[in-house]
Protein backbone atom coordinates (compact mmCIF):
# COMPACT_ATOMS: atom_id res chain seq x y z
CA GLU A 1 87.99 -168.47 -44.98
CA GLU A 2 89.06 -172.47 -44.08
CA LEU A 3 85.93 -172.89 -41.62
CA PRO A 4 82.59 -174.53 -43.49
CA VAL A 5 80.26 -171.21 -43.96
CA GLU A 6 77.99 -172.39 -41.21
CA GLN A 7 80.65 -172.04 -38.21
CA GLN A 8 81.55 -169.13 -40.04
CA GLN A 9 78.41 -167.51 -39.19
CA GLU A 10 77.93 -168.97 -35.16
CA LEU A 11 81.55 -167.42 -34.67
CA TRP A 12 80.49 -163.41 -35.96
CA GLN A 13 77.29 -164.08 -33.94
CA LEU A 14 79.63 -164.72 -30.77
CA GLU A 15 80.41 -161.17 -28.59
CA ASP A 16 82.94 -159.07 -28.65
CA ALA A 17 83.98 -157.08 -25.59
CA PHE A 18 86.92 -155.45 -27.11
CA SER A 19 85.64 -153.63 -30.35
CA VAL A 20 83.71 -150.40 -30.63
CA GLY A 21 81.52 -150.80 -33.03
CA ALA A 22 81.69 -153.59 -35.76
CA LYS A 23 82.49 -156.49 -34.38
CA THR A 24 86.26 -157.64 -35.56
CA LEU A 25 87.80 -161.36 -35.65
CA SER A 26 90.31 -160.60 -33.15
CA GLY A 27 87.66 -158.94 -30.76
CA ILE A 28 85.81 -161.91 -30.68
CA ALA A 29 88.65 -164.40 -30.15
CA PHE A 30 89.89 -162.69 -27.28
CA THR A 31 86.16 -162.27 -25.61
CA ASN A 32 85.43 -165.89 -26.23
CA SER A 33 89.15 -167.84 -26.57
CA PHE A 34 90.53 -169.73 -23.27
CA GLN A 35 94.40 -170.52 -22.20
CA ALA A 36 95.67 -173.78 -23.83
CA GLY A 37 97.91 -175.13 -21.34
CA GLU A 38 99.99 -173.00 -18.30
CA PRO A 39 100.45 -169.46 -19.23
CA LEU A 40 104.22 -168.65 -20.60
CA ASN A 41 104.76 -166.03 -17.65
CA PRO A 42 101.48 -166.89 -14.86
CA GLN A 43 102.67 -163.38 -13.49
CA ASP A 44 102.11 -161.42 -16.51
CA LEU A 45 99.04 -162.61 -18.94
CA ASP A 46 99.10 -161.66 -22.41
CA LEU A 47 98.55 -162.33 -25.54
CA ASP A 48 101.40 -164.36 -26.61
CA ASP A 49 99.92 -167.34 -24.42
CA GLU A 50 98.42 -170.08 -26.90
CA ARG A 51 94.94 -169.62 -26.85
CA VAL A 52 91.68 -171.73 -28.19
CA LEU A 53 88.11 -171.15 -29.04
CA TYR A 54 85.39 -173.68 -29.03
CA LEU A 55 81.96 -172.52 -30.46
CA GLU A 56 79.86 -174.16 -27.86
CA ILE A 57 82.12 -173.86 -24.81
CA SER A 58 81.90 -170.13 -25.69
CA ARG A 59 78.47 -170.18 -24.90
CA PHE A 60 78.41 -171.32 -20.90
CA ASN A 61 77.40 -168.44 -18.80
CA HIS A 62 79.64 -167.33 -16.32
CA SER A 63 78.84 -168.10 -12.41
CA CYS A 64 81.15 -166.96 -9.72
CA LEU A 65 79.50 -170.42 -7.90
CA PRO A 66 79.82 -172.43 -11.73
CA ASN A 67 78.97 -175.99 -11.53
CA CYS A 68 81.42 -176.87 -14.16
CA GLU A 69 85.02 -177.26 -14.29
CA VAL A 70 87.63 -176.84 -17.33
CA SER A 71 90.74 -178.58 -17.82
CA TRP A 72 93.41 -178.33 -20.12
CA ASP A 73 94.50 -182.22 -21.47
CA ASP A 74 98.50 -180.93 -22.88
CA ARG A 75 98.55 -184.93 -24.35
CA GLU A 76 95.22 -184.71 -26.19
CA GLY A 77 95.67 -181.07 -27.32
CA LEU A 78 92.30 -179.90 -26.18
CA LEU A 79 89.86 -178.17 -23.60
CA GLN A 80 87.89 -180.23 -21.38
CA ILE A 81 84.85 -179.51 -18.75
CA TYR A 82 83.82 -181.37 -16.65
CA ALA A 83 80.54 -181.32 -14.12
CA GLY A 84 82.27 -179.90 -10.85
CA ARG A 85 78.89 -181.25 -9.19
CA ASP A 86 75.43 -183.03 -9.74
CA VAL A 87 73.78 -180.48 -12.73
CA ALA A 88 70.01 -180.59 -12.02
CA LEU A 89 68.29 -181.15 -15.51
CA GLY A 90 67.66 -178.00 -17.60
CA GLU A 91 70.14 -176.20 -15.63
CA ASP A 92 72.65 -173.81 -17.34
CA LEU A 93 75.97 -174.97 -17.70
CA CYS A 94 78.17 -172.67 -15.99
CA LEU A 95 81.80 -171.63 -15.88
CA TYR A 96 84.39 -168.93 -14.35
CA TYR A 97 85.66 -167.17 -17.09
CA GLN A 98 88.82 -166.15 -15.36
CA ASP A 99 91.07 -167.95 -12.88
CA VAL A 100 91.37 -165.60 -9.59
């Protein structure tokens, strides 16, 4: 309720890969969020790790050979995106969704 109505509508348009049937806020959050900082336990990535959701970054496409890289800035508390190579005009900006 604290988000402006326009941002609430954008949020509900994001994908929910975890819920069957109607979307849920937690399903949308888990589908589209990024880890903030290092995992609490790198051997056991779980839902207790702090996560962030950015409406714009959530719309980036996935690629096994992405042209952008994600970096968490602990000092600023921000997720930052950098081009990992030259990106052609009109080319989709792509990330890898999961670090393997």
